[in-house]
Protein backbone atom coordinates (compact mmCIF):
# COMPACT_ATOMS: atom_id res chain seq x y z
CA MET A 1 -55.06 -10.55 77.56
CA ASN A 2 -52.68 -8.45 75.52
CA PHE A 3 -49.30 -7.88 77.15
CA GLU A 4 -47.05 -4.93 76.30
CA SER A 5 -43.32 -4.51 76.85
CA ILE A 6 -42.16 -2.04 79.45
CA ASP A 7 -40.66 0.12 76.67
CA GLN A 8 -44.08 0.44 74.96
CA ILE A 9 -45.68 1.36 78.31
CA ILE A 10 -42.98 3.93 79.10
CA SER A 11 -43.14 5.50 75.63
CA THR A 12 -46.96 5.79 76.05
CA PHE A 13 -46.58 7.80 79.22
CA ALA A 14 -43.51 9.80 78.03
CA ASP A 15 -45.68 12.02 75.86
CA ARG A 16 -47.89 12.80 78.90
CA ILE A 17 -45.21 13.57 81.53
CA LEU A 18 -42.17 14.80 79.70
CA THR A 19 -41.92 18.21 78.09
CA PRO A 20 -40.74 18.38 74.44
CA GLU A 21 -37.21 19.40 75.71
CA GLN A 22 -37.07 16.43 78.02
CA GLN A 23 -38.28 14.10 75.24
CA GLN A 24 -35.54 15.52 73.01
CA PHE A 25 -32.95 14.95 75.71
CA GLN A 26 -34.23 11.38 76.18
CA LEU A 27 -33.63 10.68 72.48
CA VAL A 28 -30.13 12.01 72.67
CA VAL A 29 -29.36 9.88 75.77
CA SER A 30 -30.81 6.71 74.10
CA HIS A 31 -28.81 7.21 70.84
CA TRP A 32 -25.68 8.41 72.57
CA PRO A 33 -23.88 5.03 72.89
CA ASP A 34 -24.53 4.22 69.17
CA VAL A 35 -23.21 7.65 67.98
CA VAL A 36 -20.06 7.95 70.07
CA GLY A 37 -19.22 4.25 70.61
CA LYS A 38 -18.68 2.19 73.81
CA SER A 39 -15.25 3.55 74.74
CA ALA A 40 -16.34 7.21 74.54
CA GLN A 41 -19.63 6.47 76.18
CA ALA A 42 -17.85 5.25 79.35
CA HIS A 43 -16.08 8.63 79.62
CA THR A 44 -19.04 10.94 78.72
CA ARG A 45 -22.47 11.83 80.08
CA PRO A 46 -24.94 14.09 78.30
CA ILE A 47 -26.09 16.60 80.97
CA THR A 48 -28.56 18.94 79.31
CA ILE A 49 -29.70 20.67 76.18
CA TYR A 50 -29.77 24.46 76.39
CA ARG A 51 -30.68 26.61 73.38
CA ASN A 52 -30.06 23.61 71.04
CA ILE A 53 -26.62 23.09 72.45
CA LEU A 54 -25.93 19.72 74.03
CA GLN A 55 -23.89 20.00 77.20
CA VAL A 56 -21.68 16.84 77.78
CA ALA A 57 -19.61 16.04 80.79
CA THR A 58 -16.29 14.17 80.09
CA SER A 59 -14.03 12.35 82.46
CA SER A 60 -10.82 14.08 81.24
CA ALA A 61 -9.44 16.93 79.20
CA ALA A 62 -8.16 14.38 76.68
CA TRP A 63 -11.69 13.15 75.98
CA THR A 64 -12.92 16.74 75.89
CA GLN A 65 -10.36 17.55 73.14
CA GLU A 66 -10.92 14.31 71.21
CA LEU A 67 -14.68 14.70 71.09
CA THR A 68 -14.53 18.43 70.40
CA PHE A 69 -12.83 17.64 67.07
CA GLN A 70 -15.66 15.14 66.27
CA ARG A 71 -18.54 17.32 67.50
CA LYS A 72 -19.86 18.27 63.99
CA GLN A 73 -20.03 14.65 63.08
CA ILE A 74 -21.69 13.68 66.34
CA VAL A 75 -24.32 16.47 65.90
CA ARG A 76 -25.03 15.30 62.40
CA HIS A 77 -25.68 11.69 63.57
CA LEU A 78 -27.83 12.84 66.56
CA ASN A 79 -29.90 15.20 64.44
CA GLN A 80 -31.20 12.17 62.42
CA TRP A 81 -33.45 11.33 65.37
CA LEU A 82 -34.38 14.81 66.61
CA CYS A 83 -37.32 17.00 65.55
CA ASP A 84 -35.53 20.22 66.80
CA PRO A 85 -31.94 19.84 65.62
CA LEU A 86 -28.86 20.50 67.75
CA HIS A 87 -26.62 23.38 66.70
CA ASP A 88 -23.50 22.28 68.57
CA ILE A 89 -22.05 20.27 71.47
CA LYS A 90 -20.04 21.64 74.36
CA PHE A 91 -17.75 19.17 76.08
CA SER A 92 -16.45 19.91 79.61
CA THR A 93 -14.86 18.16 82.58
CA ALA A 94 -16.55 20.72 84.94
CA GLN A 95 -19.67 18.62 85.55
CA TRP A 96 -18.24 15.11 85.53
CA SER A 97 -17.98 14.71 89.31
CA HIS A 98 -21.26 16.55 90.14
CA GLY A 99 -23.78 15.49 87.51
CA SER A 100 -22.21 12.62 85.66
CA SER A 101 -24.75 10.20 86.98
CA LEU A 102 -27.72 12.28 85.66
CA LEU A 103 -28.84 10.70 82.42
CA ALA A 104 -32.24 11.95 81.77
CA ALA A 105 -34.82 14.56 82.61
CA GLY A 106 -36.52 14.44 85.92
CA ALA A 107 -36.38 11.08 87.59
CA LEU A 108 -34.61 8.94 85.09
CA THR A 109 -31.09 8.26 86.40
CA GLU A 110 -28.48 5.54 86.20
CA THR A 111 -27.38 5.93 89.81
CA THR A 112 -28.81 8.38 92.20
CA ASP A 113 -27.93 9.55 95.72
CA ILE A 114 -30.78 8.34 97.86
CA ASN A 115 -30.99 11.80 99.55
CA GLN A 116 -32.06 13.28 96.21
CA HIS A 117 -35.14 11.08 95.85
CA PRO A 118 -38.38 13.17 96.31
CA SER A 119 -39.78 10.71 99.00
CA THR A 120 -36.72 10.96 101.14
CA ILE A 121 -37.45 12.06 104.68
CA PRO A 122 -35.16 14.81 105.90
CA VAL A 123 -32.69 13.60 108.60
CA LYS A 124 -32.95 16.97 110.30
CA GLY A 125 -35.36 19.67 109.22
CA GLU A 126 -38.61 21.51 109.72
CA PHE A 127 -40.76 18.41 108.85
CA GLY A 128 -39.65 16.16 111.70
CA THR A 129 -36.57 14.05 111.93
CA ILE A 130 -35.55 10.40 111.50
CA ASP A 131 -33.35 10.72 114.66
CA GLN A 132 -36.46 11.24 116.77
CA VAL A 133 -37.96 7.94 115.46
CA ILE A 134 -34.76 5.90 115.70
CA SER A 135 -33.68 7.13 119.18
CA GLU A 136 -36.97 6.14 120.87
CA ASP A 137 -36.42 3.31 123.47
CA VAL A 138 -39.30 0.93 122.85
CA ALA A 139 -39.51 -2.71 124.10
CA ALA A 140 -39.65 -5.39 121.41
CA PRO A 141 -43.23 -6.04 120.42
CA LYS A 142 -44.67 -9.42 121.41
CA THR A 143 -47.22 -9.80 118.60
CA PRO A 144 -47.47 -8.78 114.96
CA ILE A 145 -50.31 -6.38 115.80
CA ALA A 146 -48.21 -4.71 118.49
CA ALA A 147 -45.39 -4.25 116.00
CA TRP A 148 -47.73 -2.73 113.43
CA GLU A 149 -49.13 -0.35 116.10
CA ILE A 150 -45.65 0.76 117.15
CA TRP A 151 -44.69 1.33 113.49
CA ALA A 152 -47.96 3.17 112.67
CA SER A 153 -47.44 5.45 115.66
CA LYS A 154 -43.86 6.28 114.59
CA ILE A 155 -45.05 7.09 111.03
CA GLN A 156 -47.90 9.21 112.32
CA ARG A 157 -45.58 11.24 114.63
CA ARG A 158 -42.92 11.60 111.97
CA SER A 159 -45.44 12.87 109.33
CA GLN A 160 -47.58 15.08 111.53
CA HIS A 161 -45.71 18.27 110.45
CA TRP A 162 -45.53 17.43 106.76
CA PRO A 163 -47.62 19.42 104.26
CA LEU A 164 -50.79 17.80 102.96
CA CYS A 165 -51.28 16.54 99.38
CA PRO A 166 -53.63 18.95 97.66
CA GLN A 167 -55.50 16.01 95.99
CA CYS A 168 -55.91 13.40 98.81
CA HIS A 169 -54.99 15.54 101.75
CA SER A 170 -52.62 12.99 103.26
CA PRO A 171 -49.20 14.01 104.80
CA THR A 172 -46.62 14.08 102.08
CA PRO A 173 -42.84 14.43 102.05
CA PRO A 174 -41.97 17.90 100.87
CA GLY A 175 -39.78 16.60 98.07
CA GLU A 176 -42.83 14.85 96.41
CA LEU A 177 -44.88 18.12 96.43
CA GLU A 178 -41.96 20.03 95.03
CA ARG A 179 -41.51 17.53 92.15
CA TRP A 180 -44.99 16.36 91.36
CA SER A 181 -47.33 18.92 93.21
CA VAL A 182 -49.09 15.86 94.65
CA CYS A 183 -48.05 12.77 96.68
CA HIS A 184 -46.51 9.81 94.90
CA ILE A 185 -49.75 7.81 95.13
CA CYS A 186 -51.80 10.54 93.45
CA PHE A 187 -49.07 10.96 90.87
CA ALA A 188 -49.14 7.24 90.09
CA GLU A 189 -52.90 7.41 89.63
CA LEU A 190 -52.47 10.22 87.14
CA LEU A 191 -50.23 7.93 85.11
CA THR A 192 -52.60 4.97 85.24
CA PRO A 193 -54.71 4.75 82.09
CA ASP A 194 -58.49 4.87 82.57
CA LYS A 195 -59.69 1.37 83.15
CA CYS A 196 -62.84 2.04 81.09
CA GLN A 197 -60.79 2.50 77.88
CA ASP A 198 -60.40 -1.33 77.40
CA LYS A 199 -64.21 -1.91 77.53
């Protein structure tokens, strides 16, 4: 059996699921620490690339000024790894508090608020609530089967108003459909290589 590292597996799927712009941003994020150094890395976060201009959040005005003076050199170093070269970098403190944790396109983050995950169930909303499930007064189950039946009943009631996955027709959290257009299980199957390829 041939084992591959997780980096090899991720890079194989990156071409399938990331747009060219997202792949370019991934390259910037991966090379950012080497280009700016560890001290600057702790005070900066690449946010996005728009029209070949890299937007970078900084922790303070001092870091913004310092790195603005070095931006041509930073662009030159980053362009060594990019197919579509950057024209410039804009440093700003404006996005440090909001988007400083966003490190990559789509789902790839360093730290993420759990409420931003596509599978998160709305606490209160049009698709049922967690409060309804938690507030129910149910006696403690006496057997594992009874516990499972109570759990399954709660899940079924909670998800009865969810939209259906267009592929498997199972109830799906709205965030998953917004992000992937299918449920997380169908999306994972899309990423799984065909098992017949190895034969």
